[in-house]
Amino acid sequence: MKNLKTKFFCVLVVMMAMFSLSGCAGGGIMSMYGMGSGAGMLYTNTKTPALAMSANIDPTAKPVIHAEGSNNNILGLFVFGDASLNSIMQSKKITKIHHIDTAYFNVMGLYGKTTIDVYGE
């Protein structure tokens, strides 16, 4: 019985290492995409400016319209959603972008969500 517990513990440690190092559900990979603080291994809930997004920011635009799109990730096995800039802008008829924020939510690599918030007119 003791040998079985040791094996279970080793498998659990290896799985946790795989999840934390692989970026499942937005884990470790988030720090590469402009999330300065990185991702927490157990829980992440942050919002940051989208630094590496190829969008034309219009300095004359006002942030009067807000639109968002999200991608969801379950266990790193199922990923769904539409967070493309084009579809987000079309959903609220935004033609000029004031700024873009990105929100990250992750619980132990089991569930992750990335949301792109677009502000403009």
PDB file of N, CA and C in Angstrom:
ATOM      1  N   MET A   1       0.822  -1.195   0.000  1.00  0.00           N
ATOM      2  CA  MET A   1       0.000   0.000   0.000  1.00  0.00           C
ATOM      3  C   MET A   1       0.869   1.263   0.000  1.00  0.00           C
ATOM      4  N   LYS A   2       1.974   1.209   0.748  1.00  0.00           N
ATOM      5  CA  LYS A   2       2.863   2.365   0.813  1.00  0.00           C
ATOM      6  C   LYS A   2       3.500   2.631  -0.552  1.00  0.00           C
ATOM      7  N   ASN A   3       3.858   1.575  -1.281  1.00  0.00           N
ATOM      8  CA  ASN A   3       4.440   1.706  -2.608  1.00  0.00           C
ATOM      9  C   ASN A   3       3.447   2.347  -3.580  1.00  0.00           C
ATOM     10  N   LEU A   4       2.175   2.008  -3.456  1.00  0.00           N
ATOM     11  CA  LEU A   4       1.132   2.583  -4.308  1.00  0.00           C
ATOM     12  C   LEU A   4       0.976   4.080  -4.043  1.00  0.00           C
ATOM     13  N   LYS A   5       1.033   4.476  -2.776  1.00  0.00           N
ATOM     14  CA  LYS A   5       0.937   5.895  -2.422  1.00  0.00           C
ATOM     15  C   LYS A   5       2.129   6.672  -2.981  1.00  0.00           C
ATOM     16  N   THR A   6       3.305   6.092  -2.911  1.00  0.00           N
ATOM     17  CA  THR A   6       4.500   6.739  -3.442  1.00  0.00           C
ATOM     18  C   THR A   6       4.393   6.911  -4.953  1.00  0.00           C
ATOM     19  N   LYS A   7       3.918   5.892  -5.651  1.00  0.00           N
ATOM     20  CA  LYS A   7       3.748   5.990  -7.099  1.00  0.00           C
ATOM     21  C   LYS A   7       2.715   7.067  -7.461  1.00  0.00           C
ATOM     22  N   PHE A   8       1.608   7.074  -6.718  1.00  0.00           N
ATOM     23  CA  PHE A   8       0.570   8.077  -6.961  1.00  0.00           C
ATOM     24  C   PHE A   8       1.115   9.489  -6.760  1.00  0.00           C
ATOM     25  N   PHE A   9       1.876   9.685  -5.695  1.00  0.00           N
ATOM     26  CA  PHE A   9       2.460  10.988  -5.427  1.00  0.00           C
ATOM     27  C   PHE A   9       3.416  11.409  -6.544  1.00  0.00           C
ATOM     28  N   CYS A  10       4.236  10.476  -7.013  1.00  0.00           N
ATOM     29  CA  CYS A  10       5.182  10.779  -8.103  1.00  0.00           C
ATOM     30  C   CYS A  10       4.438  11.157  -9.385  1.00  0.00           C
ATOM     31  N   VAL A  11       3.379  10.421  -9.704  1.00  0.00           N
ATOM     32  CA  VAL A  11       2.581  10.735 -10.893  1.00  0.00           C
ATOM     33  C   VAL A  11       1.945  12.116 -10.743  1.00  0.00           C
ATOM     34  N   LEU A  12       1.443  12.417  -9.571  1.00  0.00           N
ATOM     35  CA  LEU A  12       0.832  13.719  -9.317  1.00  0.00           C
ATOM     36  C   LEU A  12       1.847  14.858  -9.489  1.00  0.00           C
ATOM     37  N   VAL A  13       3.046  14.673  -8.978  1.00  0.00           N
ATOM     38  CA  VAL A  13       4.097  15.689  -9.104  1.00  0.00           C
ATOM     39  C   VAL A  13       4.464  15.891 -10.571  1.00  0.00           C
ATOM     40  N   VAL A  14       4.604  14.799 -11.312  1.00  0.00           N
ATOM     41  CA  VAL A  14       4.947  14.896 -12.733  1.00  0.00           C
ATOM     42  C   VAL A  14       3.839  15.609 -13.502  1.00  0.00           C
ATOM     43  N   MET A  15       2.579  15.286 -13.212  1.00  0.00           N
ATOM     44  CA  MET A  15       1.458  15.946 -13.900  1.00  0.00           C
ATOM     45  C   MET A  15       1.422  17.439 -13.593  1.00  0.00           C
ATOM     46  N   MET A  16       1.641  17.807 -12.341  1.00  0.00           N
ATOM     47  CA  MET A  16       1.659  19.232 -11.983  1.00  0.00           C
ATOM     48  C   MET A  16       2.792  19.948 -12.709  1.00  0.00           C
ATOM     49  N   ALA A  17       3.942  19.308 -12.811  1.00  0.00           N
ATOM     50  CA  ALA A  17       5.072  19.908 -13.524  1.00  0.00           C
ATOM     51  C   ALA A  17       4.738  20.069 -14.999  1.00  0.00           C
ATOM     52  N   MET A  18       4.082  19.073 -15.585  1.00  0.00           N
ATOM     53  CA  MET A  18       3.708  19.163 -16.997  1.00  0.00           C
ATOM     54  C   MET A  18       2.739  20.318 -17.229  1.00  0.00           C
ATOM     55  N   PHE A  19       1.728  20.437 -16.370  1.00  0.00           N
ATOM     56  CA  PHE A  19       0.762  21.515 -16.524  1.00  0.00           C
ATOM     57  C   PHE A  19       1.408  22.880 -16.351  1.00  0.00           C
ATOM     58  N   SER A  20       2.260  23.013 -15.351  1.00  0.00           N
ATOM     59  CA  SER A  20       2.843  24.330 -15.086  1.00  0.00           C
ATOM     60  C   SER A  20       3.877  24.729 -16.121  1.00  0.00           C
ATOM     61  N   LEU A  21       4.542  23.786 -16.732  1.00  0.00           N
ATOM     62  CA  LEU A  21       5.576  24.110 -17.713  1.00  0.00           C
ATOM     63  C   LEU A  21       5.070  24.136 -19.139  1.00  0.00           C
ATOM     64  N   SER A  22       3.931  23.506 -19.403  1.00  0.00           N
ATOM     65  CA  SER A  22       3.457  23.397 -20.781  1.00  0.00           C
ATOM     66  C   SER A  22       2.606  24.574 -21.214  1.00  0.00           C
ATOM     67  N   GLY A  23       2.059  25.329 -20.292  1.00  0.00           N
ATOM     68  CA  GLY A  23       1.199  26.445 -20.667  1.00  0.00           C
ATOM     69  C   GLY A  23      -0.226  26.014 -20.924  1.00  0.00           C
ATOM     70  N   CYS A  24      -0.649  24.884 -20.431  1.00  0.00           N
ATOM     71  CA  CYS A  24      -2.020  24.426 -20.624  1.00  0.00           C
ATOM     72  C   CYS A  24      -2.991  25.452 -20.051  1.00  0.00           C
ATOM     73  N   ALA A  25      -4.058  25.694 -20.777  1.00  0.00           N
ATOM     74  CA  ALA A  25      -5.088  26.650 -20.386  1.00  0.00           C
ATOM     75  C   ALA A  25      -4.505  28.031 -20.131  1.00  0.00           C
ATOM     76  N   GLY A  26      -3.496  28.385 -20.898  1.00  0.00           N
ATOM     77  CA  GLY A  26      -2.938  29.718 -20.794  1.00  0.00           C
ATOM     78  C   GLY A  26      -1.920  29.881 -19.705  1.00  0.00           C
ATOM     79  N   GLY A  27      -1.399  28.812 -19.142  1.00  0.00           N
ATOM     80  CA  GLY A  27      -0.495  28.862 -17.997  1.00  0.00           C
ATOM     81  C   GLY A  27       0.760  29.675 -18.211  1.00  0.00           C
ATOM     82  N   GLY A  28       1.913  29.004 -18.293  1.00  0.00           N
ATOM     83  CA  GLY A  28       3.193  29.669 -18.358  1.00  0.00           C
ATOM     84  C   GLY A  28       3.409  30.496 -19.607  1.00  0.00           C
ATOM     85  N   ILE A  29       2.712  30.191 -20.673  1.00  0.00           N
ATOM     86  CA  ILE A  29       2.910  30.890 -21.940  1.00  0.00           C
ATOM     87  C   ILE A  29       2.466  32.355 -21.864  1.00  0.00           C
ATOM     88  N   MET A  30       1.607  32.704 -20.900  1.00  0.00           N
ATOM     89  CA  MET A  30       1.049  34.058 -20.866  1.00  0.00           C
ATOM     90  C   MET A  30       2.109  35.120 -20.661  1.00  0.00           C
ATOM     91  N   SER A  31       3.175  34.813 -19.969  1.00  0.00           N
ATOM     92  CA  SER A  31       4.189  35.831 -19.728  1.00  0.00           C
ATOM     93  C   SER A  31       4.890  36.235 -21.020  1.00  0.00           C
ATOM     94  N   MET A  32       4.828  35.378 -22.045  1.00  0.00           N
ATOM     95  CA  MET A  32       5.459  35.718 -23.316  1.00  0.00           C
ATOM     96  C   MET A  32       4.612  36.679 -24.144  1.00  0.00           C
ATOM     97  N   TYR A  33       3.346  36.804 -23.827  1.00  0.00           N
ATOM     98  CA  TYR A  33       2.445  37.634 -24.613  1.00  0.00           C
ATOM     99  C   TYR A  33       2.077  38.931 -23.906  1.00  0.00           C
ATOM    100  N   GLY A  34       3.002  39.502 -23.200  1.00  0.00           N
ATOM    101  CA  GLY A  34       2.772  40.823 -22.621  1.00  0.00           C
ATOM    102  C   GLY A  34       2.211  40.815 -21.220  1.00  0.00           C
ATOM    103  N   MET A  35       2.068  39.664 -20.608  1.00  0.00           N
ATOM    104  CA  MET A  35       1.569  39.615 -19.235  1.00  0.00           C
ATOM    105  C   MET A  35       2.762  39.705 -18.314  1.00  0.00           C
ATOM    106  N   GLY A  36       3.093  40.906 -17.893  1.00  0.00           N
ATOM    107  CA  GLY A  36       4.329  41.157 -17.185  1.00  0.00           C
ATOM    108  C   GLY A  36       4.530  40.348 -15.925  1.00  0.00           C
ATOM    109  N   SER A  37       3.454  40.077 -15.179  1.00  0.00           N
ATOM    110  CA  SER A  37       3.603  39.365 -13.916  1.00  0.00           C
ATOM    111  C   SER A  37       3.646  37.861 -14.101  1.00  0.00           C
ATOM    112  N   GLY A  38       3.396  37.369 -15.290  1.00  0.00           N
ATOM    113  CA  GLY A  38       3.369  35.928 -15.522  1.00  0.00           C
ATOM    114  C   GLY A  38       2.086  35.322 -15.014  1.00  0.00           C
ATOM    115  N   ALA A  39       2.058  34.014 -14.945  1.00  0.00           N
ATOM    116  CA  ALA A  39       0.852  33.294 -14.539  1.00  0.00           C
ATOM    117  C   ALA A  39       1.100  32.566 -13.236  1.00  0.00           C
ATOM    118  N   GLY A  40       0.088  32.546 -12.391  1.00  0.00           N
ATOM    119  CA  GLY A  40       0.184  31.776 -11.158  1.00  0.00           C
ATOM    120  C   GLY A  40      -0.060  30.306 -11.450  1.00  0.00           C
ATOM    121  N   MET A  41       0.622  29.417 -10.750  1.00  0.00           N
ATOM    122  CA  MET A  41       0.456  27.998 -11.000  1.00  0.00           C
ATOM    123  C   MET A  41      -0.937  27.530 -10.580  1.00  0.00           C
ATOM    124  N   LEU A  42      -1.480  28.082  -9.509  1.00  0.00           N
ATOM    125  CA  LEU A  42      -2.785  27.659  -9.027  1.00  0.00           C
ATOM    126  C   LEU A  42      -3.924  28.538  -9.519  1.00  0.00           C
ATOM    127  N   TYR A  43      -3.680  29.854  -9.614  1.00  0.00           N
ATOM    128  CA  TYR A  43      -4.773  30.761  -9.964  1.00  0.00           C
ATOM    129  C   TYR A  43      -4.211  32.029 -10.590  1.00  0.00           C
ATOM    130  N   THR A  44      -4.847  32.483 -11.665  1.00  0.00           N
ATOM    131  CA  THR A  44      -4.476  33.741 -12.321  1.00  0.00           C
ATOM    132  C   THR A  44      -5.745  34.487 -12.675  1.00  0.00           C
ATOM    133  N   ASN A  45      -5.789  35.761 -12.387  1.00  0.00           N
ATOM    134  CA  ASN A  45      -6.912  36.612 -12.791  1.00  0.00           C
ATOM    135  C   ASN A  45      -6.362  38.028 -12.933  1.00  0.00           C
ATOM    136  N   THR A  46      -5.897  38.378 -14.143  1.00  0.00           N
ATOM    137  CA  THR A  46      -5.271  39.677 -14.368  1.00  0.00           C
ATOM    138  C   THR A  46      -5.808  40.331 -15.627  1.00  0.00           C
ATOM    139  N   LYS A  47      -5.578  41.621 -15.721  1.00  0.00           N
ATOM    140  CA  LYS A  47      -5.939  42.389 -16.912  1.00  0.00           C
ATOM    141  C   LYS A  47      -4.768  43.310 -17.231  1.00  0.00           C
ATOM    142  N   THR A  48      -4.297  43.272 -18.485  1.00  0.00           N
ATOM    143  CA  THR A  48      -3.149  44.068 -18.881  1.00  0.00           C
ATOM    144  C   THR A  48      -3.405  44.698 -20.242  1.00  0.00           C
ATOM    145  N   PRO A  49      -2.667  45.744 -20.573  1.00  0.00           N
ATOM    146  CA  PRO A  49      -2.782  46.291 -21.927  1.00  0.00           C
ATOM    147  C   PRO A  49      -2.235  45.278 -22.936  1.00  0.00           C
ATOM    148  N   ALA A  50      -2.833  45.231 -24.096  1.00  0.00           N
ATOM    149  CA  ALA A  50      -2.350  44.331 -25.156  1.00  0.00           C
ATOM    150  C   ALA A  50      -1.155  44.998 -25.818  1.00  0.00           C
ATOM    151  N   LEU A  51       0.046  44.550 -25.489  1.00  0.00           N
ATOM    152  CA  LEU A  51       1.259  45.198 -25.965  1.00  0.00           C
ATOM    153  C   LEU A  51       1.687  44.718 -27.346  1.00  0.00           C
ATOM    154  N   ALA A  52       1.469  43.453 -27.651  1.00  0.00           N
ATOM    155  CA  ALA A  52       2.022  42.887 -28.883  1.00  0.00           C
ATOM    156  C   ALA A  52       0.953  42.643 -29.942  1.00  0.00           C
ATOM    157  N   MET A  53      -0.125  43.416 -29.919  1.00  0.00           N
ATOM    158  CA  MET A  53      -1.193  43.199 -30.884  1.00  0.00           C
ATOM    159  C   MET A  53      -0.997  44.126 -32.083  1.00  0.00           C
ATOM    160  N   SER A  54      -1.145  43.573 -33.269  1.00  0.00           N
ATOM    161  CA  SER A  54      -0.966  44.375 -34.481  1.00  0.00           C
ATOM    162  C   SER A  54      -2.284  45.053 -34.844  1.00  0.00           C
ATOM    163  N   ALA A  55      -2.548  46.176 -34.214  1.00  0.00           N
ATOM    164  CA  ALA A  55      -3.772  46.936 -34.473  1.00  0.00           C
ATOM    165  C   ALA A  55      -3.393  48.395 -34.676  1.00  0.00           C
ATOM    166  N   ASN A  56      -4.164  49.056 -35.490  1.00  0.00           N
ATOM    167  CA  ASN A  56      -3.936  50.483 -35.711  1.00  0.00           C
ATOM    168  C   ASN A  56      -4.679  51.275 -34.640  1.00  0.00           C
ATOM    169  N   ILE A  57      -3.922  51.803 -33.692  1.00  0.00           N
ATOM    170  CA  ILE A  57      -4.502  52.625 -32.629  1.00  0.00           C
ATOM    171  C   ILE A  57      -4.644  54.037 -33.166  1.00  0.00           C
ATOM    172  N   ASP A  58      -5.842  54.589 -33.027  1.00  0.00           N
ATOM    173  CA  ASP A  58      -6.113  55.940 -33.504  1.00  0.00           C
ATOM    174  C   ASP A  58      -6.077  56.896 -32.309  1.00  0.00           C
ATOM    175  N   PRO A  59      -5.096  57.794 -32.244  1.00  0.00           N
ATOM    176  CA  PRO A  59      -4.987  58.699 -31.092  1.00  0.00           C
ATOM    177  C   PRO A  59      -6.166  59.669 -30.981  1.00  0.00           C
ATOM    178  N   THR A  60      -6.946  59.828 -32.036  1.00  0.00           N
ATOM    179  CA  THR A  60      -8.106  60.729 -31.979  1.00  0.00           C
ATOM    180  C   THR A  60      -9.373  60.010 -31.513  1.00  0.00           C
ATOM    181  N   ALA A  61      -9.343  58.694 -31.438  1.00  0.00           N
ATOM    182  CA  ALA A  61     -10.530  57.921 -31.046  1.00  0.00           C
ATOM    183  C   ALA A  61     -10.833  58.095 -29.566  1.00  0.00           C
ATOM    184  N   LYS A  62     -12.102  58.026 -29.242  1.00  0.00           N
ATOM    185  CA  LYS A  62     -12.553  58.101 -27.848  1.00  0.00           C
ATOM    186  C   LYS A  62     -13.055  56.714 -27.431  1.00  0.00           C
ATOM    187  N   PRO A  63     -12.845  56.329 -26.164  1.00  0.00           N
ATOM    188  CA  PRO A  63     -13.268  55.000 -25.714  1.00  0.00           C
ATOM    189  C   PRO A  63     -14.749  54.948 -25.339  1.00  0.00           C
ATOM    190  N   VAL A  64     -15.634  55.192 -26.296  1.00  0.00           N
ATOM    191  CA  VAL A  64     -17.068  55.246 -26.011  1.00  0.00           C
ATOM    192  C   VAL A  64     -17.778  53.913 -26.236  1.00  0.00           C
ATOM    193  N   ILE A  65     -17.157  52.998 -26.982  1.00  0.00           N
ATOM    194  CA  ILE A  65     -17.750  51.683 -27.236  1.00  0.00           C
ATOM    195  C   ILE A  65     -16.775  50.618 -26.712  1.00  0.00           C
ATOM    196  N   HIS A  66     -17.337  49.625 -26.047  1.00  0.00           N
ATOM    197  CA  HIS A  66     -16.534  48.500 -25.541  1.00  0.00           C
ATOM    198  C   HIS A  66     -17.055  47.208 -26.166  1.00  0.00           C
ATOM    199  N   ALA A  67     -16.153  46.402 -26.707  1.00  0.00           N
ATOM    200  CA  ALA A  67     -16.503  45.082 -27.235  1.00  0.00           C
ATOM    201  C   ALA A  67     -15.453  44.090 -26.763  1.00  0.00           C
ATOM    202  N   GLU A  68     -15.860  42.831 -26.633  1.00  0.00           N
ATOM    203  CA  GLU A  68     -14.913  41.823 -26.163  1.00  0.00           C
ATOM    204  C   GLU A  68     -15.147  40.491 -26.859  1.00  0.00           C
ATOM    205  N   GLY A  69     -14.086  39.703 -26.893  1.00  0.00           N
ATOM    206  CA  GLY A  69     -14.139  38.342 -27.415  1.00  0.00           C
ATOM    207  C   GLY A  69     -13.251  37.473 -26.555  1.00  0.00           C
ATOM    208  N   SER A  70     -13.615  36.204 -26.432  1.00  0.00           N
ATOM    209  CA  SER A  70     -12.876  35.312 -25.526  1.00  0.00           C
ATOM    210  C   SER A  70     -12.561  33.975 -26.172  1.00  0.00           C
ATOM    211  N   ASN A  71     -11.481  33.381 -25.704  1.00  0.00           N
ATOM    212  CA  ASN A  71     -11.130  31.997 -25.992  1.00  0.00           C
ATOM    213  C   ASN A  71     -11.095  31.257 -24.670  1.00  0.00           C
ATOM    214  N   ASN A  72     -11.651  30.065 -24.650  1.00  0.00           N
ATOM    215  CA  ASN A  72     -11.693  29.237 -23.452  1.00  0.00           C
ATOM    216  C   ASN A  72     -10.884  27.971 -23.679  1.00  0.00           C
ATOM    217  N   ASN A  73     -10.283  27.460 -22.613  1.00  0.00           N
ATOM    218  CA  ASN A  73      -9.454  26.270 -22.698  1.00  0.00           C
ATOM    219  C   ASN A  73      -9.784  25.364 -21.514  1.00  0.00           C
ATOM    220  N   ILE A  74     -10.151  24.131 -21.813  1.00  0.00           N
ATOM    221  CA  ILE A  74     -10.464  23.162 -20.764  1.00  0.00           C
ATOM    222  C   ILE A  74      -9.438  22.035 -20.830  1.00  0.00           C
ATOM    223  N   LEU A  75      -8.640  21.932 -19.784  1.00  0.00           N
ATOM    224  CA  LEU A  75      -7.626  20.892 -19.628  1.00  0.00           C
ATOM    225  C   LEU A  75      -6.581  20.869 -20.740  1.00  0.00           C
ATOM    226  N   GLY A  76      -6.522  21.901 -21.539  1.00  0.00           N
ATOM    227  CA  GLY A  76      -5.616  21.895 -22.669  1.00  0.00           C
ATOM    228  C   GLY A  76      -6.085  20.956 -23.769  1.00  0.00           C
ATOM    229  N   LEU A  77      -7.276  20.391 -23.611  1.00  0.00           N
ATOM    230  CA  LEU A  77      -7.817  19.453 -24.591  1.00  0.00           C
ATOM    231  C   LEU A  77      -8.864  20.082 -25.492  1.00  0.00           C
ATOM    232  N   PHE A  78      -9.653  20.987 -24.944  1.00  0.00           N
ATOM    233  CA  PHE A  78     -10.729  21.629 -25.688  1.00  0.00           C
ATOM    234  C   PHE A  78     -10.515  23.140 -25.649  1.00  0.00           C
ATOM    235  N   VAL A  79     -10.385  23.744 -26.803  1.00  0.00           N
ATOM    236  CA  VAL A  79     -10.210  25.193 -26.897  1.00  0.00           C
ATOM    237  C   VAL A  79     -11.271  25.713 -27.851  1.00  0.00           C
ATOM    238  N   PHE A  80     -12.007  26.743 -27.410  1.00  0.00           N
ATOM    239  CA  PHE A  80     -13.074  27.280 -28.251  1.00  0.00           C
ATOM    240  C   PHE A  80     -13.269  28.756 -27.959  1.00  0.00           C
ATOM    241  N   GLY A  81     -13.860  29.458 -28.909  1.00  0.00           N
ATOM    242  CA  GLY A  81     -14.147  30.877 -28.764  1.00  0.00           C
ATOM    243  C   GLY A  81     -13.622  31.653 -29.950  1.00  0.00           C
ATOM    244  N   ASP A  82     -13.947  32.928 -29.984  1.00  0.00           N
ATOM    245  CA  ASP A  82     -13.476  33.815 -31.046  1.00  0.00           C
ATOM    246  C   ASP A  82     -13.029  35.123 -30.420  1.00  0.00           C
ATOM    247  N   ALA A  83     -11.734  35.303 -30.350  1.00  0.00           N
ATOM    248  CA  ALA A  83     -11.166  36.538 -29.814  1.00  0.00           C
ATOM    249  C   ALA A  83     -10.394  37.272 -30.895  1.00  0.00           C
ATOM    250  N   SER A  84     -10.800  37.083 -32.146  1.00  0.00           N
ATOM    251  CA  SER A  84     -10.112  37.785 -33.233  1.00  0.00           C
ATOM    252  C   SER A  84     -10.513  39.258 -33.216  1.00  0.00           C
ATOM    253  N   LEU A  85      -9.554  40.097 -33.485  1.00  0.00           N
ATOM    254  CA  LEU A  85      -9.783  41.536 -33.444  1.00  0.00           C
ATOM    255  C   LEU A  85     -10.873  41.952 -34.425  1.00  0.00           C
ATOM    256  N   ASN A  86     -10.861  41.369 -35.603  1.00  0.00           N
ATOM    257  CA  ASN A  86     -11.849  41.720 -36.621  1.00  0.00           C
ATOM    258  C   ASN A  86     -13.276  41.419 -36.153  1.00  0.00           C
ATOM    259  N   SER A  87     -13.502  40.230 -35.608  1.00  0.00           N
ATOM    260  CA  SER A  87     -14.857  39.884 -35.169  1.00  0.00           C
ATOM    261  C   SER A  87     -15.292  40.700 -33.955  1.00  0.00           C
ATOM    262  N   ILE A  88     -14.354  41.028 -33.074  1.00  0.00           N
ATOM    263  CA  ILE A  88     -14.694  41.866 -31.916  1.00  0.00           C
ATOM    264  C   ILE A  88     -15.131  43.252 -32.377  1.00  0.00           C
ATOM    265  N   MET A  89     -14.374  43.831 -33.302  1.00  0.00           N
ATOM    266  CA  MET A  89     -14.721  45.169 -33.800  1.00  0.00           C
ATOM    267  C   MET A  89     -16.055  45.149 -34.541  1.00  0.00           C
ATOM    268  N   GLN A  90     -16.309  44.114 -35.331  1.00  0.00           N
ATOM    269  CA  GLN A  90     -17.560  44.029 -36.082  1.00  0.00           C
ATOM    270  C   GLN A  90     -18.764  43.844 -35.176  1.00  0.00           C
ATOM    271  N   SER A  91     -18.580  43.179 -34.028  1.00  0.00           N
ATOM    272  CA  SER A  91     -19.710  42.915 -33.132  1.00  0.00           C
ATOM    273  C   SER A  91     -20.358  44.197 -32.609  1.00  0.00           C
ATOM    274  N   LYS A  92     -19.580  45.253 -32.445  1.00  0.00           N
ATOM    275  CA  LYS A  92     -20.121  46.533 -31.954  1.00  0.00           C
ATOM    276  C   LYS A  92     -19.876  47.679 -32.938  1.00  0.00           C
ATOM    277  N   LYS A  93     -19.490  47.325 -34.157  1.00  0.00           N
ATOM    278  CA  LYS A  93     -19.254  48.309 -35.221  1.00  0.00           C
ATOM    279  C   LYS A  93     -18.207  49.364 -34.842  1.00  0.00           C
ATOM    280  N   ILE A  94     -17.127  48.921 -34.243  1.00  0.00           N
ATOM    281  CA  ILE A  94     -16.012  49.810 -33.906  1.00  0.00           C
ATOM    282  C   ILE A  94     -15.176  50.026 -35.161  1.00  0.00           C
ATOM    283  N   THR A  95     -14.918  51.282 -35.484  1.00  0.00           N
ATOM    284  CA  THR A  95     -14.111  51.601 -36.666  1.00  0.00           C
ATOM    285  C   THR A  95     -12.767  52.227 -36.294  1.00  0.00           C
ATOM    286  N   LYS A  96     -12.682  52.847 -35.126  1.00  0.00           N
ATOM    287  CA  LYS A  96     -11.435  53.444 -34.642  1.00  0.00           C
ATOM    288  C   LYS A  96     -11.133  52.876 -33.260  1.00  0.00           C
ATOM    289  N   ILE A  97      -9.911  52.406 -33.081  1.00  0.00           N
ATOM    290  CA  ILE A  97      -9.518  51.799 -31.807  1.00  0.00           C
ATOM    291  C   ILE A  97      -8.809  52.822 -30.922  1.00  0.00           C
ATOM    292  N   HIS A  98      -9.301  52.967 -29.698  1.00  0.00           N
ATOM    293  CA  HIS A  98      -8.641  53.805 -28.703  1.00  0.00           C
ATOM    294  C   HIS A  98      -7.552  53.006 -27.982  1.00  0.00           C
ATOM    295  N   HIS A  99      -7.922  51.835 -27.439  1.00  0.00           N
ATOM    296  CA  HIS A  99      -6.938  50.933 -26.829  1.00  0.00           C
ATOM    297  C   HIS A  99      -7.510  49.524 -26.711  1.00  0.00           C
ATOM    298  N   ILE A 100      -6.621  48.578 -26.428  1.00  0.00           N
ATOM    299  CA  ILE A 100      -6.997  47.171 -26.296  1.00  0.00           C
ATOM    300  C   ILE A 100      -6.398  46.637 -25.003  1.00  0.00           C
ATOM    301  N   ASP A 101      -7.225  45.944 -24.225  1.00  0.00           N
ATOM    302  CA  ASP A 101      -6.772  45.276 -23.009  1.00  0.00           C
ATOM    303  C   ASP A 101      -6.929  43.769 -23.182  1.00  0.00           C
ATOM    304  N   THR A 102      -6.152  43.030 -22.425  1.00  0.00           N
ATOM    305  CA  THR A 102      -6.244  41.572 -22.433  1.00  0.00           C
ATOM    306  C   THR A 102      -6.407  41.095 -20.996  1.00  0.00           C
ATOM    307  N   ALA A 103      -7.402  40.243 -20.765  1.00  0.00           N
ATOM    308  CA  ALA A 103      -7.634  39.680 -19.435  1.00  0.00           C
ATOM    309  C   ALA A 103      -7.336  38.184 -19.479  1.00  0.00           C
ATOM    310  N   TYR A 104      -6.661  37.702 -18.436  1.00  0.00           N
ATOM    311  CA  TYR A 104      -6.308  36.291 -18.332  1.00  0.00           C
ATOM    312  C   TYR A 104      -6.918  35.715 -17.063  1.00  0.00           C
ATOM    313  N   PHE A 105      -7.542  34.555 -17.192  1.00  0.00           N
ATOM    314  CA  PHE A 105      -8.093  33.843 -16.041  1.00  0.00           C
ATOM    315  C   PHE A 105      -7.671  32.383 -16.178  1.00  0.00           C
ATOM    316  N   ASN A 106      -7.169  31.798 -15.096  1.00  0.00           N
ATOM    317  CA  ASN A 106      -6.702  30.423 -15.147  1.00  0.00           C
ATOM    318  C   ASN A 106      -6.798  29.815 -13.754  1.00  0.00           C
ATOM    319  N   VAL A 107      -7.330  28.591 -13.684  1.00  0.00           N
ATOM    320  CA  VAL A 107      -7.388  27.861 -12.426  1.00  0.00           C
ATOM    321  C   VAL A 107      -6.653  26.538 -12.615  1.00  0.00           C
ATOM    322  N   MET A 108      -5.434  26.458 -12.108  1.00  0.00           N
ATOM    323  CA  MET A 108      -4.600  25.252 -12.072  1.00  0.00           C
ATOM    324  C   MET A 108      -4.468  24.546 -13.425  1.00  0.00           C
ATOM    325  N   GLY A 109      -4.605  25.249 -14.508  1.00  0.00           N
ATOM    326  CA  GLY A 109      -4.497  24.621 -15.810  1.00  0.00           C
ATOM    327  C   GLY A 109      -5.716  23.789 -16.179  1.00  0.00           C
ATOM    328  N   LEU A 110      -6.709  23.760 -15.288  1.00  0.00           N
ATOM    329  CA  LEU A 110      -7.923  23.000 -15.573  1.00  0.00           C
ATOM    330  C   LEU A 110      -8.851  23.783 -16.491  1.00  0.00           C
ATOM    331  N   TYR A 111      -8.936  25.079 -16.231  1.00  0.00           N
ATOM    332  CA  TYR A 111      -9.767  25.963 -17.057  1.00  0.00           C
ATOM    333  C   TYR A 111      -9.043  27.288 -17.227  1.00  0.00           C
ATOM    334  N   GLY A 112      -9.001  27.774 -18.446  1.00  0.00           N
ATOM    335  CA  GLY A 112      -8.389  29.063 -18.723  1.00  0.00           C
ATOM    336  C   GLY A 112      -9.253  29.869 -19.674  1.00  0.00           C
ATOM    337  N   LYS A 113      -9.173  31.171 -19.561  1.00  0.00           N
ATOM    338  CA  LYS A 113      -9.935  32.060 -20.435  1.00  0.00           C
ATOM    339  C   LYS A 113      -9.090  33.291 -20.728  1.00  0.00           C
ATOM    340  N   THR A 114      -8.981  33.624 -22.003  1.00  0.00           N
ATOM    341  CA  THR A 114      -8.315  34.844 -22.420  1.00  0.00           C
ATOM    342  C   THR A 114      -9.364  35.723 -23.091  1.00  0.00           C
ATOM    343  N   THR A 115      -9.483  36.955 -22.621  1.00  0.00           N
ATOM    344  CA  THR A 115     -10.474  37.884 -23.159  1.00  0.00           C
ATOM    345  C   THR A 115      -9.775  39.100 -23.701  1.00  0.00           C
ATOM    346  N   ILE A 116     -10.125  39.497 -24.928  1.00  0.00           N
ATOM    347  CA  ILE A 116      -9.608  40.698 -25.552  1.00  0.00           C
ATOM    348  C   ILE A 116     -10.699  41.759 -25.464  1.00  0.00           C
ATOM    349  N   ASP A 117     -10.391  42.886 -24.825  1.00  0.00           N
ATOM    350  CA  ASP A 117     -11.318  44.014 -24.703  1.00  0.00           C
ATOM    351  C   ASP A 117     -10.861  45.121 -25.642  1.00  0.00           C
ATOM    352  N   VAL A 118     -11.747  45.564 -26.523  1.00  0.00           N
ATOM    353  CA  VAL A 118     -11.434  46.622 -27.477  1.00  0.00           C
ATOM    354  C   VAL A 118     -12.295  47.837 -27.127  1.00  0.00           C
ATOM    355  N   TYR A 119     -11.646  48.999 -27.016  1.00  0.00           N
ATOM    356  CA  TYR A 119     -12.346  50.249 -26.725  1.00  0.00           C
ATOM    357  C   TYR A 119     -12.136  51.192 -27.901  1.00  0.00           C
ATOM    358  N   GLY A 120     -13.186  51.848 -28.317  1.00  0.00           N
ATOM    359  CA  GLY A 120     -13.062  52.772 -29.440  1.00  0.00           C
ATOM    360  C   GLY A 120     -14.377  53.420 -29.772  1.00  0.00           C
ATOM    361  N   GLU A 121     -14.476  53.819 -31.042  1.00  0.00           N
ATOM    362  CA  GLU A 121     -15.731  54.448 -31.504  1.00  0.00           C
ATOM    363  C   GLU A 121     -16.066  53.947 -32.890  1.00  0.00           C
TER     364      GLU A 121
END
